[in-house]
Amino acid sequence: MQRYEIRIDGQLSTTLTAAFPELDHVVMSGQTVLFGPVVDEAQLYGLLIRCRSLGLRVVEMCQVPE
């Protein structure tokens, strides 16, 4: 299991952050940062697909040290 950060352009509404119950979030500098553990590549791709289907613009995604 690895930890990831996904930076989204803009501040997400409560409804949109609820679409990612497995991740925590924080708003910083006009971006929403979703972060938390990701079990495997399939889950990671699933998160990115969910972002795309919700019309969210992913600015950056990176693995972070634990």
Protein backbone atom coordinates (compact mmCIF):
# COMPACT_ATOMS: atom_id res chain seq x y z
CA MET A 1 0.00 0.00 0.00
CA GLN A 2 1.32 3.44 -0.96
CA ARG A 3 0.23 6.97 -0.05
CA TYR A 4 -0.74 9.35 -2.85
CA GLU A 5 -1.69 13.00 -3.27
CA ILE A 6 -3.99 14.08 -6.07
CA ARG A 7 -4.14 17.86 -6.60
CA ILE A 8 -7.38 19.13 -8.14
CA ASP A 9 -7.80 22.61 -9.59
CA GLY A 10 -10.22 24.67 -7.46
CA GLN A 11 -12.08 24.09 -4.23
CA LEU A 12 -14.32 21.02 -4.32
CA SER A 13 -17.82 21.16 -2.89
CA THR A 14 -18.88 18.90 -0.05
CA THR A 15 -20.75 16.76 -2.58
CA LEU A 16 -17.64 16.26 -4.71
CA THR A 17 -15.35 15.47 -1.77
CA ALA A 18 -17.95 12.90 -0.64
CA ALA A 19 -17.31 11.11 -3.95
CA PHE A 20 -13.89 10.14 -2.53
CA PRO A 21 -14.74 8.62 0.87
CA GLU A 22 -11.47 6.65 0.97
CA LEU A 23 -9.35 9.83 0.87
CA ASP A 24 -8.89 12.83 3.13
CA HIS A 25 -8.75 16.31 1.65
CA VAL A 26 -7.48 19.80 2.33
CA VAL A 27 -7.79 23.05 0.38
CA MET A 28 -4.52 24.90 -0.28
CA SER A 29 -3.75 27.78 -2.63
CA GLY A 30 -6.87 27.40 -4.75
CA GLN A 31 -6.47 23.65 -5.08
CA THR A 32 -8.04 20.69 -3.33
CA VAL A 33 -5.54 18.03 -2.31
CA LEU A 34 -6.95 14.53 -1.95
CA PHE A 35 -4.60 12.22 -0.05
CA GLY A 36 -4.44 8.82 1.52
CA PRO A 37 -3.46 5.20 1.07
CA VAL A 38 -3.96 3.48 -2.27
CA VAL A 39 -3.94 -0.31 -2.27
CA ASP A 40 -2.87 -0.98 -5.84
CA GLU A 41 -2.71 0.34 -9.40
CA ALA A 42 -6.31 -0.59 -10.07
CA GLN A 43 -7.51 1.63 -7.23
CA LEU A 44 -5.26 4.46 -8.40
CA TYR A 45 -6.64 4.30 -11.95
CA GLY A 46 -10.15 4.12 -10.51
CA LEU A 47 -9.57 7.37 -8.60
CA LEU A 48 -8.30 9.10 -11.74
CA ILE A 49 -11.25 7.84 -13.78
CA ARG A 50 -13.60 9.11 -11.07
CA CYS A 51 -11.93 12.54 -11.28
CA ARG A 52 -12.38 12.58 -15.04
CA SER A 53 -16.01 11.47 -14.91
CA LEU A 54 -16.78 14.27 -12.43
CA GLY A 55 -15.13 16.82 -14.71
CA LEU A 56 -12.31 17.57 -12.30
CA ARG A 57 -8.99 18.90 -13.57
CA VAL A 58 -6.10 16.95 -12.03
CA VAL A 59 -3.13 19.29 -11.71
CA GLU A 60 -0.71 16.79 -10.18
CA MET A 61 -0.63 13.30 -8.79
CA CYS A 62 2.30 11.91 -6.83
CA GLN A 63 3.31 9.17 -4.48
CA VAL A 64 4.35 10.53 -1.08
CA PRO A 65 6.57 8.96 1.55
CA GLU A 66 4.84 7.49 4.57
